[in-house]
Amino acid sequence: MRKLTMVVLSLAATNAWAWGGCTFEQEVDQVLDVSSSSSLTVKALAGELEITGRDDVDSARISGRMCASEEEWLAEMSVEQVAGDAAAITVQIPDVTGKAFWSNDYAYVDLVLEVPSDLPVQVFDSSGDMQLDNLMDANVKDSSGDIKLLNMRGDLQLKDSSGDIEIERLDGDLEIISDSSGDVEASGITGSVVVRADSSGDLDFADVDGDVLVERDSSGDITVNEVGGSFSVERDGSGEIRAIAVQGQVAVPD
């Protein structure tokens, strides 16, 4: 079995990227050999990210497009790669954050990656939506944008500042280190769930074979449904707590 694969995504926010414009563009089409890699680090900047695990590949297929509001900025944009034990995919874009807030300046890279499904993933994301599918041992850190996780395996660790999180099917344990805002909805988890800190937004966990523990929740509703183990909330600020079909003990604040 391979060791932890690190997919590091660091997305810098831009003013007009959310408008979806692409006045000047350049296609991305690359292949990175990860057959001998024990880790993969992906560093992207502003843009959307999609990573899919495949059982029949031993390389990382990198596709997408680079978009900018100024043609000369394309020359400053690239997707760089490093092979070897600690493989890496790194996006470079010009810094356009100093422009006026109301300007239409933007530079971003949308990435679509296909990687071996047994290569664990670590993702650091600052802006843009993200979807991960059929990956193992993922570690996700996100500042803004929605996250969708499908058919995941192994331990899944999340740290999120804003944006909704949706998890469908996880064969392993889920740990949410922190979630500042946005809803979290997860179902089909064969292991246990631990939420270390949640600031705002609802938490909804369904069809969990193990325990569900919420250590600290500031605001928002908490709902669990069909939990095979115990359910406990250690600290809760505001919002309703609902426990449905919990097989083990239930312990929540008065």
C-alpha atoms as a PDB file:
ATOM      1  CA  MET A   1       0.000   0.000   0.000  1.00  0.00           C
ATOM      2  CA  ARG A   2       1.264   3.470  -0.798  1.00  0.00           C
ATOM      3  CA  LYS A   3       1.957   6.026   1.904  1.00  0.00           C
ATOM      4  CA  LEU A   4       0.017   9.263   2.312  1.00  0.00           C
ATOM      5  CA  THR A   5      -0.346  11.166  -0.926  1.00  0.00           C
ATOM      6  CA  MET A   6      -0.414  14.901  -0.478  1.00  0.00           C
ATOM      7  CA  VAL A   7      -2.472  17.010  -2.833  1.00  0.00           C
ATOM      8  CA  VAL A   8      -1.893  20.529  -1.666  1.00  0.00           C
ATOM      9  CA  LEU A   9      -4.119  23.167  -3.179  1.00  0.00           C
ATOM     10  CA  SER A  10      -3.627  26.787  -2.290  1.00  0.00           C
ATOM     11  CA  LEU A  11      -6.101  28.946  -4.148  1.00  0.00           C
ATOM     12  CA  ALA A  12      -5.691  32.712  -4.099  1.00  0.00           C
ATOM     13  CA  ALA A  13      -8.884  34.710  -4.380  1.00  0.00           C
ATOM     14  CA  THR A  14      -9.326  37.057  -7.299  1.00  0.00           C
ATOM     15  CA  ASN A  15     -11.842  39.813  -7.773  1.00  0.00           C
ATOM     16  CA  ALA A  16     -13.661  38.845 -10.924  1.00  0.00           C
ATOM     17  CA  TRP A  17     -12.926  35.120 -11.105  1.00  0.00           C
ATOM     18  CA  ALA A  18     -16.363  34.342  -9.705  1.00  0.00           C
ATOM     19  CA  TRP A  19     -17.892  36.021 -12.769  1.00  0.00           C
ATOM     20  CA  GLY A  20     -16.757  33.016 -14.810  1.00  0.00           C
ATOM     21  CA  GLY A  21     -15.134  35.045 -17.598  1.00  0.00           C
ATOM     22  CA  CYS A  22     -12.337  33.704 -19.765  1.00  0.00           C
ATOM     23  CA  THR A  23     -11.315  36.409 -22.229  1.00  0.00           C
ATOM     24  CA  PHE A  24      -7.903  34.853 -22.885  1.00  0.00           C
ATOM     25  CA  GLU A  25      -7.282  31.170 -22.305  1.00  0.00           C
ATOM     26  CA  GLN A  26      -4.740  28.415 -22.728  1.00  0.00           C
ATOM     27  CA  GLU A  27      -5.424  24.705 -22.474  1.00  0.00           C
ATOM     28  CA  VAL A  28      -3.639  22.456 -19.984  1.00  0.00           C
ATOM     29  CA  ASP A  29      -2.808  18.882 -21.015  1.00  0.00           C
ATOM     30  CA  GLN A  30      -0.034  17.099 -19.131  1.00  0.00           C
ATOM     31  CA  VAL A  31       0.893  13.705 -17.681  1.00  0.00           C
ATOM     32  CA  LEU A  32       2.915  13.101 -14.501  1.00  0.00           C
ATOM     33  CA  ASP A  33       4.379   9.658 -13.756  1.00  0.00           C
ATOM     34  CA  VAL A  34       3.475   8.720 -10.161  1.00  0.00           C
ATOM     35  CA  SER A  35       4.084   4.966 -10.444  1.00  0.00           C
ATOM     36  CA  SER A  36       6.862   5.159  -7.830  1.00  0.00           C
ATOM     37  CA  SER A  37       5.407   8.033  -5.804  1.00  0.00           C
ATOM     38  CA  SER A  38       4.380   7.745  -2.173  1.00  0.00           C
ATOM     39  CA  SER A  39       2.946  11.265  -2.064  1.00  0.00           C
ATOM     40  CA  LEU A  40       1.405  13.761  -4.446  1.00  0.00           C
ATOM     41  CA  THR A  41       1.219  17.454  -3.660  1.00  0.00           C
ATOM     42  CA  VAL A  42      -1.081  19.602  -5.777  1.00  0.00           C
ATOM     43  CA  LYS A  43      -0.751  23.350  -5.348  1.00  0.00           C
ATOM     44  CA  ALA A  44      -3.320  25.298  -7.325  1.00  0.00           C
ATOM     45  CA  LEU A  45      -4.440  28.875  -7.116  1.00  0.00           C
ATOM     46  CA  ALA A  46      -7.780  30.445  -8.038  1.00  0.00           C
ATOM     47  CA  GLY A  47     -10.095  28.130  -9.943  1.00  0.00           C
ATOM     48  CA  GLU A  48     -12.084  24.947  -9.649  1.00  0.00           C
ATOM     49  CA  LEU A  49     -10.561  21.564  -8.860  1.00  0.00           C
ATOM     50  CA  GLU A  50     -11.732  18.070  -9.698  1.00  0.00           C
ATOM     51  CA  ILE A  51      -9.721  14.991  -8.727  1.00  0.00           C
ATOM     52  CA  THR A  52     -10.878  11.494  -9.649  1.00  0.00           C
ATOM     53  CA  GLY A  53      -9.201   8.273  -8.584  1.00  0.00           C
ATOM     54  CA  ARG A  54      -8.909   5.528 -11.184  1.00  0.00           C
ATOM     55  CA  ASP A  55      -7.944   1.883 -10.684  1.00  0.00           C
ATOM     56  CA  ASP A  56      -6.325   1.462 -14.099  1.00  0.00           C
ATOM     57  CA  VAL A  57      -3.698   4.225 -14.135  1.00  0.00           C
ATOM     58  CA  ASP A  58      -0.219   4.735 -12.670  1.00  0.00           C
ATOM     59  CA  SER A  59       0.154   8.351 -13.765  1.00  0.00           C
ATOM     60  CA  ALA A  60      -1.584  11.633 -13.044  1.00  0.00           C
ATOM     61  CA  ARG A  61      -3.419  13.105 -16.021  1.00  0.00           C
ATOM     62  CA  ILE A  62      -3.598  16.897 -15.736  1.00  0.00           C
ATOM     63  CA  SER A  63      -6.067  18.803 -17.878  1.00  0.00           C
ATOM     64  CA  GLY A  64      -7.931  22.087 -17.693  1.00  0.00           C
ATOM     65  CA  ARG A  65      -7.534  25.670 -18.777  1.00  0.00           C
ATOM     66  CA  MET A  66      -5.775  28.847 -17.707  1.00  0.00           C
ATOM     67  CA  CYS A  67      -7.921  31.994 -17.956  1.00  0.00           C
ATOM     68  CA  ALA A  68      -7.014  35.677 -17.635  1.00  0.00           C
ATOM     69  CA  SER A  69      -8.559  39.044 -18.356  1.00  0.00           C
ATOM     70  CA  GLU A  70      -5.236  40.299 -19.807  1.00  0.00           C
ATOM     71  CA  GLU A  71      -3.440  38.336 -22.528  1.00  0.00           C
ATOM     72  CA  GLU A  72       0.041  39.052 -21.175  1.00  0.00           C
ATOM     73  CA  TRP A  73      -0.861  37.385 -17.882  1.00  0.00           C
ATOM     74  CA  LEU A  74      -1.035  33.998 -19.623  1.00  0.00           C
ATOM     75  CA  ALA A  75       2.761  34.141 -19.988  1.00  0.00           C
ATOM     76  CA  GLU A  76       3.001  34.302 -16.175  1.00  0.00           C
ATOM     77  CA  MET A  77       0.732  31.296 -15.679  1.00  0.00           C
ATOM     78  CA  SER A  78       1.853  27.679 -15.654  1.00  0.00           C
ATOM     79  CA  VAL A  79       1.235  24.211 -14.244  1.00  0.00           C
ATOM     80  CA  GLU A  80       4.535  22.810 -13.028  1.00  0.00           C
ATOM     81  CA  GLN A  81       5.230  19.221 -12.012  1.00  0.00           C
ATOM     82  CA  VAL A  82       7.839  17.254 -10.083  1.00  0.00           C
ATOM     83  CA  ALA A  83       8.156  13.477 -10.355  1.00  0.00           C
ATOM     84  CA  GLY A  84       9.629  11.082  -7.818  1.00  0.00           C
ATOM     85  CA  ASP A  85       8.710   9.835  -4.373  1.00  0.00           C
ATOM     86  CA  ALA A  86       7.213  13.197  -3.391  1.00  0.00           C
ATOM     87  CA  ALA A  87       5.479  14.103  -6.629  1.00  0.00           C
ATOM     88  CA  ALA A  88       4.039  17.584  -7.003  1.00  0.00           C
ATOM     89  CA  ILE A  89       1.732  19.586  -9.259  1.00  0.00           C
ATOM     90  CA  THR A  90       1.978  23.348  -8.762  1.00  0.00           C
ATOM     91  CA  VAL A  91      -0.033  26.124 -10.380  1.00  0.00           C
ATOM     92  CA  GLN A  92       1.489  29.565 -10.875  1.00  0.00           C
ATOM     93  CA  ILE A  93      -0.652  32.642 -11.586  1.00  0.00           C
ATOM     94  CA  PRO A  94       0.037  36.387 -11.386  1.00  0.00           C
ATOM     95  CA  ASP A  95      -1.152  38.254  -8.308  1.00  0.00           C
ATOM     96  CA  VAL A  96      -4.112  40.389  -9.349  1.00  0.00           C
ATOM     97  CA  THR A  97      -5.524  40.840  -5.833  1.00  0.00           C
ATOM     98  CA  GLY A  98      -4.158  44.403  -5.621  1.00  0.00           C
ATOM     99  CA  LYS A  99      -6.569  45.596  -8.287  1.00  0.00           C
ATOM    100  CA  ALA A 100      -9.631  47.598  -7.350  1.00  0.00           C
ATOM    101  CA  PHE A 101     -12.430  45.504  -5.871  1.00  0.00           C
ATOM    102  CA  TRP A 102     -14.840  46.586  -8.600  1.00  0.00           C
ATOM    103  CA  SER A 103     -12.473  45.808 -11.477  1.00  0.00           C
ATOM    104  CA  ASN A 104     -12.959  42.853 -13.820  1.00  0.00           C
ATOM    105  CA  ASP A 105      -9.338  41.692 -13.599  1.00  0.00           C
ATOM    106  CA  TYR A 106      -8.891  37.978 -13.027  1.00  0.00           C
ATOM    107  CA  ALA A 107      -6.506  35.084 -13.448  1.00  0.00           C
ATOM    108  CA  TYR A 108      -7.405  31.518 -12.561  1.00  0.00           C
ATOM    109  CA  VAL A 109      -6.770  27.902 -13.496  1.00  0.00           C
ATOM    110  CA  ASP A 110      -9.433  25.194 -13.589  1.00  0.00           C
ATOM    111  CA  LEU A 111      -7.869  21.766 -13.065  1.00  0.00           C
ATOM    112  CA  VAL A 112      -9.155  18.256 -13.717  1.00  0.00           C
ATOM    113  CA  LEU A 113      -6.889  15.487 -12.409  1.00  0.00           C
ATOM    114  CA  GLU A 114      -7.079  11.723 -12.807  1.00  0.00           C
ATOM    115  CA  VAL A 115      -4.812   9.872 -10.377  1.00  0.00           C
ATOM    116  CA  PRO A 116      -4.349   6.309  -9.102  1.00  0.00           C
ATOM    117  CA  SER A 117      -7.161   5.513  -6.690  1.00  0.00           C
ATOM    118  CA  ASP A 118      -4.768   4.079  -4.081  1.00  0.00           C
ATOM    119  CA  LEU A 119      -2.726   7.270  -3.907  1.00  0.00           C
ATOM    120  CA  PRO A 120      -3.833   9.164  -0.746  1.00  0.00           C
ATOM    121  CA  VAL A 121      -4.552  12.872  -1.141  1.00  0.00           C
ATOM    122  CA  GLN A 122      -4.033  16.077   0.806  1.00  0.00           C
ATOM    123  CA  VAL A 123      -5.747  19.202  -0.543  1.00  0.00           C
ATOM    124  CA  PHE A 124      -5.268  22.812   0.487  1.00  0.00           C
ATOM    125  CA  ASP A 125      -7.775  25.143  -1.181  1.00  0.00           C
ATOM    126  CA  SER A 126      -8.325  28.881  -0.860  1.00  0.00           C
ATOM    127  CA  SER A 127     -11.047  29.609  -3.428  1.00  0.00           C
ATOM    128  CA  GLY A 128     -13.153  27.747  -5.906  1.00  0.00           C
ATOM    129  CA  ASP A 129     -15.338  24.664  -5.730  1.00  0.00           C
ATOM    130  CA  MET A 130     -13.779  21.247  -5.371  1.00  0.00           C
ATOM    131  CA  GLN A 131     -14.882  17.684  -6.072  1.00  0.00           C
ATOM    132  CA  LEU A 132     -12.974  14.562  -5.051  1.00  0.00           C
ATOM    133  CA  ASP A 133     -14.121  11.097  -6.127  1.00  0.00           C
ATOM    134  CA  ASN A 134     -12.800   7.598  -5.382  1.00  0.00           C
ATOM    135  CA  LEU A 135      -9.703   8.675  -3.451  1.00  0.00           C
ATOM    136  CA  MET A 136      -7.981   7.262  -0.385  1.00  0.00           C
ATOM    137  CA  ASP A 137      -6.787   8.939   2.834  1.00  0.00           C
ATOM    138  CA  ALA A 138      -7.664  12.513   1.884  1.00  0.00           C
ATOM    139  CA  ASN A 139      -6.720  15.541   3.960  1.00  0.00           C
ATOM    140  CA  VAL A 140      -8.565  18.674   2.830  1.00  0.00           C
ATOM    141  CA  LYS A 141      -7.993  22.265   3.916  1.00  0.00           C
ATOM    142  CA  ASP A 142     -10.264  24.823   2.288  1.00  0.00           C
ATOM    143  CA  SER A 143     -10.812  28.560   2.727  1.00  0.00           C
ATOM    144  CA  SER A 144     -13.816  29.169   0.477  1.00  0.00           C
ATOM    145  CA  GLY A 145     -15.912  27.314  -2.033  1.00  0.00           C
ATOM    146  CA  ASP A 146     -18.079  24.233  -1.822  1.00  0.00           C
ATOM    147  CA  ILE A 147     -16.601  20.763  -1.371  1.00  0.00           C
ATOM    148  CA  LYS A 148     -18.117  17.535  -2.668  1.00  0.00           C
ATOM    149  CA  LEU A 149     -16.571  14.202  -1.703  1.00  0.00           C
ATOM    150  CA  LEU A 150     -17.773  10.949  -3.254  1.00  0.00           C
ATOM    151  CA  ASN A 151     -16.838   7.285  -2.734  1.00  0.00           C
ATOM    152  CA  MET A 152     -13.911   8.045  -0.461  1.00  0.00           C
ATOM    153  CA  ARG A 153     -11.834   5.427   1.371  1.00  0.00           C
ATOM    154  CA  GLY A 154      -9.598   5.490   4.436  1.00  0.00           C
ATOM    155  CA  ASP A 155      -9.304   8.380   6.855  1.00  0.00           C
ATOM    156  CA  LEU A 156     -10.810  11.686   5.708  1.00  0.00           C
ATOM    157  CA  GLN A 157      -9.722  14.893   7.447  1.00  0.00           C
ATOM    158  CA  LEU A 158     -11.254  18.308   6.758  1.00  0.00           C
ATOM    159  CA  LYS A 159     -10.550  21.904   7.736  1.00  0.00           C
ATOM    160  CA  ASP A 160     -12.862  24.467   6.157  1.00  0.00           C
ATOM    161  CA  SER A 161     -13.435  28.215   6.510  1.00  0.00           C
ATOM    162  CA  SER A 162     -16.507  28.790   4.342  1.00  0.00           C
ATOM    163  CA  GLY A 163     -18.649  26.906   1.894  1.00  0.00           C
ATOM    164  CA  ASP A 164     -20.807  23.813   2.119  1.00  0.00           C
ATOM    165  CA  ILE A 165     -19.404  20.303   2.490  1.00  0.00           C
ATOM    166  CA  GLU A 166     -21.179  17.257   1.071  1.00  0.00           C
ATOM    167  CA  ILE A 167     -19.905  13.739   1.630  1.00  0.00           C
ATOM    168  CA  GLU A 168     -21.495  10.697   0.012  1.00  0.00           C
ATOM    169  CA  ARG A 169     -20.013   7.338   0.983  1.00  0.00           C
ATOM    170  CA  LEU A 170     -16.839   7.093   3.040  1.00  0.00           C
ATOM    171  CA  ASP A 171     -15.302   3.737   3.859  1.00  0.00           C
ATOM    172  CA  GLY A 172     -13.370   4.965   6.894  1.00  0.00           C
ATOM    173  CA  ASP A 173     -13.325   7.620   9.616  1.00  0.00           C
ATOM    174  CA  LEU A 174     -14.204  11.304   9.238  1.00  0.00           C
ATOM    175  CA  GLU A 175     -12.526  14.063  11.265  1.00  0.00           C
ATOM    176  CA  ILE A 176     -13.580  17.691  10.837  1.00  0.00           C
ATOM    177  CA  ILE A 177     -10.867  19.729  12.528  1.00  0.00           C
ATOM    178  CA  SER A 178     -12.701  23.025  12.078  1.00  0.00           C
ATOM    179  CA  ASP A 179     -15.556  24.434  10.049  1.00  0.00           C
ATOM    180  CA  SER A 180     -16.161  28.179  10.239  1.00  0.00           C
ATOM    181  CA  SER A 181     -19.278  28.583   8.110  1.00  0.00           C
ATOM    182  CA  GLY A 182     -21.387  26.558   5.763  1.00  0.00           C
ATOM    183  CA  ASP A 183     -23.405  23.384   6.149  1.00  0.00           C
ATOM    184  CA  VAL A 184     -21.924  19.907   6.464  1.00  0.00           C
ATOM    185  CA  GLU A 185     -23.917  16.939   5.181  1.00  0.00           C
ATOM    186  CA  ALA A 186     -22.415  13.453   5.268  1.00  0.00           C
ATOM    187  CA  SER A 187     -23.910  10.003   4.740  1.00  0.00           C
ATOM    188  CA  GLY A 188     -22.789   6.428   4.258  1.00  0.00           C
ATOM    189  CA  ILE A 189     -19.803   6.402   6.649  1.00  0.00           C
ATOM    190  CA  THR A 190     -18.503   2.989   7.745  1.00  0.00           C
ATOM    191  CA  GLY A 191     -16.305   4.424  10.522  1.00  0.00           C
ATOM    192  CA  SER A 192     -16.773   7.157  13.116  1.00  0.00           C
ATOM    193  CA  VAL A 193     -17.232  10.937  12.910  1.00  0.00           C
ATOM    194  CA  VAL A 194     -15.459  13.556  15.034  1.00  0.00           C
ATOM    195  CA  VAL A 195     -16.129  17.304  14.733  1.00  0.00           C
ATOM    196  CA  ARG A 196     -13.511  19.232  16.685  1.00  0.00           C
ATOM    197  CA  ALA A 197     -14.956  22.743  16.163  1.00  0.00           C
ATOM    198  CA  ASP A 198     -17.861  24.131  14.152  1.00  0.00           C
ATOM    199  CA  SER A 199     -18.643  27.859  14.159  1.00  0.00           C
ATOM    200  CA  SER A 200     -21.822  28.205  12.110  1.00  0.00           C
ATOM    201  CA  GLY A 201     -23.946  26.195   9.753  1.00  0.00           C
ATOM    202  CA  ASP A 202     -25.863  22.970  10.181  1.00  0.00           C
ATOM    203  CA  LEU A 203     -24.316  19.554  10.753  1.00  0.00           C
ATOM    204  CA  ASP A 204     -26.161  16.550   9.332  1.00  0.00           C
ATOM    205  CA  PHE A 205     -24.815  12.992   9.606  1.00  0.00           C
ATOM    206  CA  ALA A 206     -26.742   9.938   8.434  1.00  0.00           C
ATOM    207  CA  ASP A 207     -26.015   6.228   8.102  1.00  0.00           C
ATOM    208  CA  VAL A 208     -22.881   6.171  10.270  1.00  0.00           C
ATOM    209  CA  ASP A 209     -21.694   2.764  11.467  1.00  0.00           C
ATOM    210  CA  GLY A 210     -19.523   4.090  14.306  1.00  0.00           C
ATOM    211  CA  ASP A 211     -19.752   6.931  16.829  1.00  0.00           C
ATOM    212  CA  VAL A 212     -20.535  10.601  16.191  1.00  0.00           C
ATOM    213  CA  LEU A 213     -18.813  13.127  18.463  1.00  0.00           C
ATOM    214  CA  VAL A 214     -19.173  16.910  18.245  1.00  0.00           C
ATOM    215  CA  GLU A 215     -16.675  18.527  20.585  1.00  0.00           C
ATOM    216  CA  ARG A 216     -17.695  22.165  20.044  1.00  0.00           C
ATOM    217  CA  ASP A 217     -20.495  23.766  18.055  1.00  0.00           C
ATOM    218  CA  SER A 218     -21.189  27.506  18.169  1.00  0.00           C
ATOM    219  CA  SER A 219     -24.397  27.812  16.138  1.00  0.00           C
ATOM    220  CA  GLY A 220     -26.546  25.835  13.770  1.00  0.00           C
ATOM    221  CA  ASP A 221     -28.590  22.666  14.049  1.00  0.00           C
ATOM    222  CA  ILE A 222     -27.081  19.220  14.589  1.00  0.00           C
ATOM    223  CA  THR A 223     -28.930  16.203  13.234  1.00  0.00           C
ATOM    224  CA  VAL A 224     -27.871  12.557  13.286  1.00  0.00           C
ATOM    225  CA  ASN A 225     -29.890   9.709  11.815  1.00  0.00           C
ATOM    226  CA  GLU A 226     -29.111   5.988  11.877  1.00  0.00           C
ATOM    227  CA  VAL A 227     -25.939   5.879  13.960  1.00  0.00           C
ATOM    228  CA  GLY A 228     -24.567   2.470  14.875  1.00  0.00           C
ATOM    229  CA  GLY A 229     -22.527   3.714  17.836  1.00  0.00           C
ATOM    230  CA  SER A 230     -22.967   6.537  20.335  1.00  0.00           C
ATOM    231  CA  PHE A 231     -23.777  10.219  19.738  1.00  0.00           C
ATOM    232  CA  SER A 232     -22.448  12.997  21.946  1.00  0.00           C
ATOM    233  CA  VAL A 233     -22.123  16.783  21.865  1.00  0.00           C
ATOM    234  CA  GLU A 234     -19.717  18.240  24.412  1.00  0.00           C
ATOM    235  CA  ARG A 235     -20.358  21.984  23.907  1.00  0.00           C
ATOM    236  CA  ASP A 236     -23.127  23.685  21.964  1.00  0.00           C
ATOM    237  CA  GLY A 237     -23.934  27.395  21.620  1.00  0.00           C
ATOM    238  CA  SER A 238     -27.261  27.582  19.792  1.00  0.00           C
ATOM    239  CA  GLY A 239     -29.416  25.551  17.453  1.00  0.00           C
ATOM    240  CA  GLU A 240     -31.440  22.367  17.799  1.00  0.00           C
ATOM    241  CA  ILE A 241     -29.963  18.915  18.359  1.00  0.00           C
ATOM    242  CA  ARG A 242     -31.812  15.932  16.894  1.00  0.00           C
ATOM    243  CA  ALA A 243     -30.880  12.284  17.423  1.00  0.00           C
ATOM    244  CA  ILE A 244     -32.795   9.702  15.378  1.00  0.00           C
ATOM    245  CA  ALA A 245     -32.184   5.940  15.432  1.00  0.00           C
ATOM    246  CA  VAL A 246     -28.992   6.040  17.486  1.00  0.00           C
ATOM    247  CA  GLN A 247     -28.023   2.541  18.643  1.00  0.00           C
ATOM    248  CA  GLY A 248     -25.611   3.590  21.391  1.00  0.00           C
ATOM    249  CA  GLN A 249     -25.717   6.192  24.142  1.00  0.00           C
ATOM    250  CA  VAL A 250     -26.795   9.795  23.503  1.00  0.00           C
ATOM    251  CA  ALA A 251     -25.158  12.570  25.516  1.00  0.00           C
ATOM    252  CA  VAL A 252     -25.959  16.216  24.686  1.00  0.00           C
ATOM    253  CA  PRO A 253     -25.908  19.471  26.708  1.00  0.00           C
ATOM    254  CA  ASP A 254     -29.070  20.345  28.634  1.00  0.00           C
END
